Amino acid sequence: MPTTTTYGISYPTGTQAPNVPLAMQATADSVEAALVTIQSSTSSNVALGGLYNQYTSAGSYGVPRYTKAFNKTITTTGMIGTTGTTITMTGGQQYLIATLPVGVRPAYDIILQPKTATAMGGVPTLYIRANGDVHYENSTTFTSLAKGSFWISLDNISWTAL
């Protein structure tokens, strides 16, 4: 039997002998196989920059990860911390904290306000760029902030991949 171009769903042609139950079974099997393929999702760790890693102080928090669903919806989870014992950030300056691979990047830049540690103060801004760069900016400066007082949550962030 021939199949459709996009999902490979089989269908009978007018030249085949009319065995309706067999044709229906073949079509149902190919539809089921196509649905399994498009409903699957992939998941991977976020590639963090040199100063950043999974937040691990005072408990166990998830590794920064993304999941790509069958409909190209990307959802992130986990918490970003720092590799150093302290961290300093200048207010109003963007810091590259991660890079997303092709196939996960948004079609256009996205600006979000993630949850962050209270000690970081100010207004947090997360920029997810169409080129895959993920930048963090805080509205106020903090100096020598202890490792346990620095975290950025990636929970419940989502967008549609290009």
N, C-alpha and C. Protein backbone atom coordinates (compact mmCIF):
# COMPACT_ATOMS: atom_id res chain seq x y z
N MET A 1 0.84 -1.18 0.00
CA MET A 1 0.00 0.00 0.00
C MET A 1 0.88 1.25 0.00
N PRO A 2 0.45 2.28 -0.66
CA PRO A 2 1.20 3.54 -0.61
C PRO A 2 1.00 4.22 0.75
N THR A 3 1.88 5.18 1.08
CA THR A 3 1.78 5.89 2.36
C THR A 3 1.80 7.40 2.14
N THR A 4 1.29 8.12 3.14
CA THR A 4 1.32 9.59 3.07
C THR A 4 2.75 10.07 3.26
N THR A 5 3.03 11.25 2.72
CA THR A 5 4.39 11.79 2.73
C THR A 5 4.86 12.17 4.12
N THR A 6 4.05 12.84 4.90
CA THR A 6 4.49 13.38 6.18
C THR A 6 4.59 12.34 7.28
N TYR A 7 3.55 11.55 7.50
CA TYR A 7 3.52 10.63 8.63
C TYR A 7 3.60 9.15 8.24
N GLY A 8 3.62 8.84 6.96
CA GLY A 8 3.74 7.45 6.53
C GLY A 8 2.52 6.62 6.82
N ILE A 9 1.35 7.22 6.78
CA ILE A 9 0.10 6.49 7.03
C ILE A 9 -0.31 5.79 5.74
N SER A 10 -0.53 4.49 5.83
CA SER A 10 -0.86 3.71 4.62
C SER A 10 -2.32 3.88 4.24
N TYR A 11 -2.56 3.69 2.95
CA TYR A 11 -3.93 3.74 2.44
C TYR A 11 -4.03 2.85 1.20
N PRO A 12 -5.21 2.29 0.96
CA PRO A 12 -5.36 1.42 -0.21
C PRO A 12 -5.52 2.24 -1.50
N THR A 13 -5.17 1.63 -2.60
CA THR A 13 -5.37 2.27 -3.91
C THR A 13 -6.53 1.58 -4.61
N GLY A 14 -7.01 2.18 -5.66
CA GLY A 14 -8.12 1.60 -6.42
C GLY A 14 -7.74 0.36 -7.19
N THR A 15 -6.45 0.08 -7.33
CA THR A 15 -6.00 -1.09 -8.08
C THR A 15 -5.89 -2.33 -7.20
N GLN A 16 -6.02 -2.18 -5.88
CA GLN A 16 -5.89 -3.33 -4.98
C GLN A 16 -7.22 -4.05 -4.84
N ALA A 17 -7.15 -5.37 -4.61
CA ALA A 17 -8.37 -6.16 -4.38
C ALA A 17 -9.05 -5.65 -3.12
N PRO A 18 -10.37 -5.57 -3.10
CA PRO A 18 -11.09 -5.00 -1.96
C PRO A 18 -11.14 -5.93 -0.74
N ASN A 19 -10.10 -5.91 0.07
CA ASN A 19 -10.09 -6.64 1.34
C ASN A 19 -10.14 -5.57 2.43
N VAL A 20 -11.33 -5.08 2.72
CA VAL A 20 -11.54 -3.94 3.62
C VAL A 20 -10.96 -4.18 5.01
N PRO A 21 -11.21 -5.30 5.67
CA PRO A 21 -10.64 -5.49 7.01
C PRO A 21 -9.11 -5.42 7.00
N LEU A 22 -8.46 -6.01 6.03
CA LEU A 22 -7.00 -5.98 5.96
C LEU A 22 -6.50 -4.56 5.72
N ALA A 23 -7.14 -3.82 4.84
CA ALA A 23 -6.75 -2.43 4.56
C ALA A 23 -6.95 -1.55 5.80
N MET A 24 -8.07 -1.76 6.51
CA MET A 24 -8.33 -0.98 7.72
C MET A 24 -7.29 -1.28 8.80
N GLN A 25 -6.92 -2.55 8.95
CA GLN A 25 -5.91 -2.93 9.95
C GLN A 25 -4.57 -2.30 9.62
N ALA A 26 -4.16 -2.33 8.36
CA ALA A 26 -2.88 -1.74 7.95
C ALA A 26 -2.88 -0.24 8.19
N THR A 27 -3.99 0.41 7.88
CA THR A 27 -4.09 1.86 8.10
C THR A 27 -4.07 2.19 9.58
N ALA A 28 -4.81 1.43 10.39
CA ALA A 28 -4.83 1.67 11.84
C ALA A 28 -3.44 1.48 12.43
N ASP A 29 -2.71 0.45 12.01
CA ASP A 29 -1.34 0.22 12.50
C ASP A 29 -0.43 1.38 12.14
N SER A 30 -0.54 1.89 10.92
CA SER A 30 0.33 2.99 10.51
C SER A 30 -0.03 4.30 11.22
N VAL A 31 -1.32 4.51 11.51
CA VAL A 31 -1.74 5.70 12.27
C VAL A 31 -1.17 5.61 13.69
N GLU A 32 -1.28 4.44 14.30
CA GLU A 32 -0.75 4.26 15.66
C GLU A 32 0.76 4.49 15.71
N ALA A 33 1.48 3.97 14.75
CA ALA A 33 2.93 4.18 14.69
C ALA A 33 3.27 5.66 14.53
N ALA A 34 2.51 6.37 13.71
CA ALA A 34 2.74 7.80 13.51
C ALA A 34 2.47 8.58 14.80
N LEU A 35 1.42 8.22 15.53
CA LEU A 35 1.10 8.90 16.78
C LEU A 35 2.18 8.68 17.84
N VAL A 36 2.70 7.49 17.93
CA VAL A 36 3.77 7.20 18.88
C VAL A 36 4.98 8.08 18.58
N THR A 37 5.31 8.21 17.31
CA THR A 37 6.45 9.03 16.91
C THR A 37 6.26 10.50 17.25
N ILE A 38 5.10 11.06 16.93
CA ILE A 38 4.92 12.50 17.15
C ILE A 38 4.63 12.83 18.62
N GLN A 39 4.22 11.86 19.43
CA GLN A 39 3.96 12.13 20.83
C GLN A 39 5.18 11.97 21.72
N SER A 40 6.27 11.51 21.17
CA SER A 40 7.46 11.33 22.00
C SER A 40 8.12 12.68 22.26
N SER A 41 8.84 12.77 23.36
CA SER A 41 9.55 14.00 23.70
C SER A 41 11.01 13.66 24.00
N THR A 42 11.85 14.67 23.93
CA THR A 42 13.27 14.49 24.25
C THR A 42 13.63 15.43 25.39
N SER A 43 14.63 15.04 26.15
CA SER A 43 15.04 15.82 27.30
C SER A 43 16.56 15.82 27.39
N SER A 44 17.12 16.95 27.82
CA SER A 44 18.58 17.05 27.93
C SER A 44 18.95 18.12 28.94
N ASN A 45 20.17 18.05 29.46
CA ASN A 45 20.66 19.09 30.37
C ASN A 45 20.94 20.37 29.60
N VAL A 46 20.74 21.51 30.25
CA VAL A 46 21.08 22.80 29.68
C VAL A 46 22.60 22.97 29.77
N ALA A 47 23.22 23.41 28.67
CA ALA A 47 24.67 23.65 28.65
C ALA A 47 24.96 24.99 29.34
N LEU A 48 25.48 24.92 30.57
CA LEU A 48 25.73 26.11 31.37
C LEU A 48 27.13 26.67 31.11
N GLY A 49 27.27 27.99 31.30
CA GLY A 49 28.56 28.64 31.16
C GLY A 49 29.49 28.30 32.31
N GLY A 50 30.75 28.70 32.21
CA GLY A 50 31.80 28.32 33.15
C GLY A 50 31.57 28.67 34.61
N LEU A 51 30.89 29.77 34.91
CA LEU A 51 30.67 30.18 36.30
C LEU A 51 29.40 29.59 36.90
N TYR A 52 28.66 28.79 36.13
CA TYR A 52 27.34 28.36 36.57
C TYR A 52 27.21 26.84 36.53
N ASN A 53 26.43 26.32 37.48
CA ASN A 53 26.16 24.89 37.55
C ASN A 53 24.80 24.67 38.22
N GLN A 54 24.51 23.42 38.55
CA GLN A 54 23.28 23.12 39.27
C GLN A 54 23.37 23.68 40.68
N TYR A 55 22.30 24.32 41.15
CA TYR A 55 22.25 24.81 42.52
C TYR A 55 22.11 23.62 43.45
N THR A 56 23.02 23.51 44.42
CA THR A 56 23.00 22.34 45.31
C THR A 56 23.00 22.69 46.79
N SER A 57 23.07 23.95 47.17
CA SER A 57 23.11 24.31 48.59
C SER A 57 21.76 24.04 49.25
N ALA A 58 21.82 23.63 50.50
CA ALA A 58 20.63 23.49 51.35
C ALA A 58 19.52 22.66 50.72
N GLY A 59 19.87 21.53 50.15
CA GLY A 59 18.84 20.65 49.61
C GLY A 59 19.21 20.14 48.24
N SER A 60 18.30 19.38 47.68
CA SER A 60 18.53 18.80 46.36
C SER A 60 17.55 19.41 45.37
N TYR A 61 18.09 20.14 44.43
CA TYR A 61 17.26 20.77 43.41
C TYR A 61 17.62 20.18 42.05
N GLY A 62 16.70 20.24 41.14
CA GLY A 62 16.90 19.61 39.85
C GLY A 62 18.02 20.21 39.02
N VAL A 63 18.62 19.35 38.22
CA VAL A 63 19.61 19.78 37.24
C VAL A 63 18.90 20.67 36.22
N PRO A 64 19.50 21.77 35.80
CA PRO A 64 18.87 22.59 34.75
C PRO A 64 18.70 21.77 33.47
N ARG A 65 17.46 21.56 33.07
CA ARG A 65 17.13 20.71 31.92
C ARG A 65 16.05 21.34 31.07
N TYR A 66 15.95 20.87 29.85
CA TYR A 66 14.83 21.23 29.00
C TYR A 66 14.23 19.95 28.44
N THR A 67 12.94 20.01 28.16
CA THR A 67 12.23 18.92 27.50
C THR A 67 11.56 19.50 26.27
N LYS A 68 11.73 18.82 25.15
CA LYS A 68 11.08 19.23 23.90
C LYS A 68 9.96 18.25 23.61
N ALA A 69 8.73 18.73 23.61
CA ALA A 69 7.56 17.90 23.35
C ALA A 69 7.35 17.74 21.85
N PHE A 70 6.45 16.84 21.49
CA PHE A 70 6.18 16.55 20.08
C PHE A 70 5.73 17.78 19.30
N ASN A 71 5.10 18.74 19.99
CA ASN A 71 4.59 19.93 19.31
C ASN A 71 5.58 21.10 19.34
N LYS A 72 6.85 20.82 19.64
CA LYS A 72 7.95 21.78 19.69
C LYS A 72 7.89 22.71 20.90
N THR A 73 7.06 22.37 21.89
CA THR A 73 7.04 23.15 23.12
C THR A 73 8.24 22.76 23.96
N ILE A 74 9.03 23.76 24.36
CA ILE A 74 10.18 23.54 25.21
C ILE A 74 9.79 23.96 26.62
N THR A 75 10.07 23.12 27.59
CA THR A 75 9.81 23.42 29.00
C THR A 75 11.10 23.19 29.77
N THR A 76 11.43 24.13 30.66
CA THR A 76 12.65 23.99 31.45
C THR A 76 12.33 23.71 32.91
N THR A 77 13.28 23.08 33.58
CA THR A 77 13.18 22.79 35.01
C THR A 77 14.56 22.92 35.63
N GLY A 78 14.61 22.91 36.95
CA GLY A 78 15.89 22.92 37.65
C GLY A 78 16.29 24.31 38.12
N MET A 79 17.44 24.35 38.82
CA MET A 79 17.93 25.61 39.36
C MET A 79 19.40 25.79 39.03
N ILE A 80 19.75 27.01 38.64
CA ILE A 80 21.13 27.36 38.32
C ILE A 80 21.76 27.98 39.56
N GLY A 81 22.98 27.55 39.86
CA GLY A 81 23.78 28.11 40.94
C GLY A 81 25.11 28.58 40.39
N THR A 82 26.07 28.82 41.26
CA THR A 82 27.39 29.26 40.82
C THR A 82 28.45 28.23 41.22
N THR A 83 29.53 28.18 40.44
CA THR A 83 30.62 27.25 40.74
C THR A 83 31.55 27.82 41.81
N GLY A 84 31.54 29.14 42.00
CA GLY A 84 32.42 29.77 42.99
C GLY A 84 31.84 29.75 44.39
N THR A 85 32.64 30.18 45.36
CA THR A 85 32.14 30.27 46.73
C THR A 85 31.34 31.55 46.92
N THR A 86 31.62 32.57 46.09
CA THR A 86 30.84 33.81 46.08
C THR A 86 30.67 34.25 44.63
N ILE A 87 29.75 35.18 44.42
CA ILE A 87 29.53 35.71 43.07
C ILE A 87 29.19 37.20 43.17
N THR A 88 29.65 37.97 42.20
CA THR A 88 29.36 39.40 42.11
C THR A 88 28.76 39.68 40.75
N MET A 89 27.69 40.45 40.72
CA MET A 89 27.07 40.87 39.45
C MET A 89 26.77 42.35 39.51
N THR A 90 27.03 43.03 38.41
CA THR A 90 26.76 44.46 38.29
C THR A 90 25.33 44.66 37.79
N GLY A 91 24.58 45.49 38.47
CA GLY A 91 23.20 45.78 38.06
C GLY A 91 23.13 46.33 36.65
N GLY A 92 22.17 45.84 35.87
CA GLY A 92 21.97 46.32 34.51
C GLY A 92 22.87 45.67 33.48
N GLN A 93 23.75 44.77 33.88
CA GLN A 93 24.64 44.08 32.95
C GLN A 93 24.13 42.67 32.70
N GLN A 94 24.15 42.24 31.44
CA GLN A 94 23.71 40.90 31.09
C GLN A 94 24.89 39.92 31.15
N TYR A 95 24.65 38.76 31.75
CA TYR A 95 25.66 37.71 31.89
C TYR A 95 25.20 36.47 31.13
N LEU A 96 26.07 35.94 30.28
CA LEU A 96 25.76 34.72 29.54
C LEU A 96 25.85 33.53 30.52
N ILE A 97 24.71 32.88 30.76
CA ILE A 97 24.71 31.78 31.72
C ILE A 97 24.53 30.41 31.08
N ALA A 98 24.01 30.37 29.84
CA ALA A 98 23.77 29.09 29.19
C ALA A 98 23.64 29.28 27.68
N THR A 99 23.71 28.16 26.96
CA THR A 99 23.51 28.17 25.51
C THR A 99 22.61 27.00 25.15
N LEU A 100 21.60 27.27 24.33
CA LEU A 100 20.66 26.24 23.90
C LEU A 100 21.04 25.75 22.50
N PRO A 101 20.87 24.46 22.23
CA PRO A 101 21.21 23.94 20.90
C PRO A 101 20.14 24.28 19.85
N VAL A 102 20.53 24.18 18.60
CA VAL A 102 19.59 24.35 17.49
C VAL A 102 18.47 23.33 17.68
N GLY A 103 17.26 23.72 17.37
CA GLY A 103 16.11 22.84 17.53
C GLY A 103 15.37 23.07 18.84
N VAL A 104 16.01 23.82 19.75
CA VAL A 104 15.40 24.13 21.04
C VAL A 104 15.21 25.64 21.18
N ARG A 105 15.89 26.39 20.37
CA ARG A 105 15.87 27.86 20.45
C ARG A 105 14.52 28.42 20.02
N PRO A 106 14.12 29.55 20.63
CA PRO A 106 12.86 30.19 20.22
C PRO A 106 13.03 30.90 18.88
N ALA A 107 11.93 31.19 18.23
CA ALA A 107 11.96 31.88 16.94
C ALA A 107 12.36 33.34 17.10
N TYR A 108 12.14 33.89 18.28
CA TYR A 108 12.47 35.29 18.58
C TYR A 108 12.90 35.38 20.04
N ASP A 109 13.55 36.47 20.40
CA ASP A 109 14.02 36.65 21.78
C ASP A 109 12.84 36.69 22.75
N ILE A 110 13.03 36.08 23.90
CA ILE A 110 12.00 36.05 24.95
C ILE A 110 12.59 36.68 26.20
N ILE A 111 11.81 37.51 26.88
CA ILE A 111 12.24 38.16 28.12
C ILE A 111 11.32 37.69 29.24
N LEU A 112 11.93 37.17 30.33
CA LEU A 112 11.16 36.62 31.45
C LEU A 112 11.67 37.15 32.78
N GLN A 113 10.87 36.99 33.82
CA GLN A 113 11.30 37.29 35.18
C GLN A 113 11.27 35.99 35.98
N PRO A 114 12.41 35.32 36.09
CA PRO A 114 12.44 34.05 36.82
C PRO A 114 12.43 34.27 38.33
N LYS A 115 12.11 33.23 39.06
CA LYS A 115 12.25 33.28 40.52
C LYS A 115 13.74 33.19 40.84
N THR A 116 14.19 33.99 41.80
CA THR A 116 15.60 33.99 42.20
C THR A 116 15.68 34.07 43.72
N ALA A 117 16.89 33.87 44.23
CA ALA A 117 17.11 33.96 45.68
C ALA A 117 16.84 35.38 46.14
N THR A 118 16.19 35.53 47.30
CA THR A 118 15.87 36.83 47.86
C THR A 118 17.10 37.68 48.07
N ALA A 119 18.21 37.07 48.46
CA ALA A 119 19.44 37.81 48.73
C ALA A 119 20.00 38.51 47.49
N MET A 120 19.58 38.08 46.30
CA MET A 120 20.06 38.71 45.07
C MET A 120 19.45 40.09 44.87
N GLY A 121 18.29 40.34 45.49
CA GLY A 121 17.64 41.64 45.42
C GLY A 121 17.27 42.04 44.01
N GLY A 122 16.73 43.24 43.87
CA GLY A 122 16.42 43.80 42.56
C GLY A 122 15.39 43.01 41.77
N VAL A 123 15.31 43.36 40.49
CA VAL A 123 14.39 42.70 39.57
C VAL A 123 15.21 41.80 38.64
N PRO A 124 14.93 40.50 38.65
CA PRO A 124 15.68 39.58 37.79
C PRO A 124 15.08 39.54 36.38
N THR A 125 15.93 39.45 35.37
CA THR A 125 15.46 39.31 33.99
C THR A 125 16.26 38.21 33.31
N LEU A 126 15.56 37.33 32.64
CA LEU A 126 16.17 36.25 31.89
C LEU A 126 15.85 36.47 30.42
N TYR A 127 16.89 36.50 29.59
CA TYR A 127 16.73 36.69 28.15
C TYR A 127 17.06 35.36 27.46
N ILE A 128 16.09 34.80 26.78
CA ILE A 128 16.32 33.59 25.99
C ILE A 128 16.34 34.04 24.54
N ARG A 129 17.51 34.02 23.95
CA ARG A 129 17.73 34.58 22.61
C ARG A 129 17.48 33.55 21.50
N ALA A 130 17.06 34.06 20.35
CA ALA A 130 16.83 33.21 19.19
C ALA A 130 18.12 32.53 18.71
N ASN A 131 19.28 33.09 19.05
CA ASN A 131 20.55 32.47 18.67
C ASN A 131 21.01 31.40 19.66
N GLY A 132 20.22 31.15 20.72
CA GLY A 132 20.53 30.12 21.71
C GLY A 132 21.16 30.63 22.99
N ASP A 133 21.62 31.88 23.00
CA ASP A 133 22.22 32.43 24.22
C ASP A 133 21.15 32.69 25.27
N VAL A 134 21.47 32.37 26.51
CA VAL A 134 20.58 32.67 27.64
C VAL A 134 21.36 33.61 28.56
N HIS A 135 20.84 34.83 28.70
CA HIS A 135 21.49 35.84 29.54
C HIS A 135 20.66 36.12 30.79
N TYR A 136 21.36 36.44 31.87
CA TYR A 136 20.70 36.85 33.11
C TYR A 136 21.14 38.28 33.44
N GLU A 137 20.19 39.07 33.89
CA GLU A 137 20.47 40.45 34.31
C GLU A 137 19.72 40.72 35.60
N ASN A 138 20.37 41.38 36.54
CA ASN A 138 19.72 41.79 37.78
C ASN A 138 19.69 43.32 37.78
N SER A 139 18.64 43.91 38.29
CA SER A 139 18.53 45.37 38.25
C SER A 139 19.45 46.07 39.24
N THR A 140 19.89 45.33 40.28
CA THR A 140 20.80 45.93 41.26
C THR A 140 22.09 45.12 41.35
N THR A 141 23.14 45.76 41.79
CA THR A 141 24.44 45.10 41.96
C THR A 141 24.46 44.32 43.27
N PHE A 142 25.07 43.14 43.24
CA PHE A 142 25.38 42.45 44.48
C PHE A 142 26.84 42.02 44.42
N THR A 143 27.49 42.09 45.57
CA THR A 143 28.93 41.85 45.66
C THR A 143 29.23 40.73 46.64
N SER A 144 30.07 39.81 46.22
CA SER A 144 30.51 38.68 47.07
C SER A 144 29.34 37.96 47.74
N LEU A 145 28.30 37.72 46.98
CA LEU A 145 27.14 36.99 47.48
C LEU A 145 27.53 35.53 47.65
N ALA A 146 27.23 34.96 48.80
CA ALA A 146 27.60 33.57 49.09
C ALA A 146 26.91 32.61 48.12
N LYS A 147 27.61 31.54 47.80
CA LYS A 147 27.13 30.53 46.86
C LYS A 147 25.69 30.08 47.18
N GLY A 148 25.41 29.82 48.45
CA GLY A 148 24.08 29.36 48.86
C GLY A 148 22.99 30.39 48.71
N SER A 149 23.37 31.65 48.51
CA SER A 149 22.39 32.74 48.37
C SER A 149 22.18 33.16 46.92
N PHE A 150 22.75 32.39 45.99
CA PHE A 150 22.59 32.70 44.56
C PHE A 150 21.96 31.51 43.86
N TRP A 151 20.75 31.72 43.35
CA TRP A 151 20.12 30.71 42.50
C TRP A 151 19.08 31.37 41.58
N ILE A 152 18.93 30.75 40.42
CA ILE A 152 17.94 31.18 39.42
C ILE A 152 17.12 29.94 39.07
N SER A 153 15.82 30.02 39.25
CA SER A 153 14.95 28.89 38.95
C SER A 153 14.56 28.89 37.47
N LEU A 154 14.61 27.71 36.86
CA LEU A 154 14.15 27.54 35.48
C LEU A 154 12.80 26.83 35.43
N ASP A 155 12.20 26.57 36.58
CA ASP A 155 10.92 25.86 36.62
C ASP A 155 9.82 26.67 35.95
N ASN A 156 8.98 25.94 35.21
CA ASN A 156 7.76 26.49 34.57
C ASN A 156 8.05 27.55 33.52
N ILE A 157 9.19 27.50 32.86
CA ILE A 157 9.46 28.39 31.73
C ILE A 157 9.22 27.58 30.46
N SER A 158 8.49 28.13 29.51
CA SER A 158 8.24 27.39 28.27
C SER A 158 8.11 28.33 27.08
N TRP A 159 8.40 27.79 25.90
CA TRP A 159 8.27 28.52 24.63
C TRP A 159 8.17 27.49 23.52
N THR A 160 7.86 27.97 22.33
CA THR A 160 7.81 27.11 21.15
C THR A 160 9.11 27.24 20.39
N ALA A 161 9.73 26.10 20.09
CA ALA A 161 10.99 26.09 19.34
C ALA A 161 10.75 26.45 17.88
N LEU A 162 11.78 26.97 17.28
CA LEU A 162 11.73 27.34 15.87
C LEU A 162 11.56 26.12 15.00
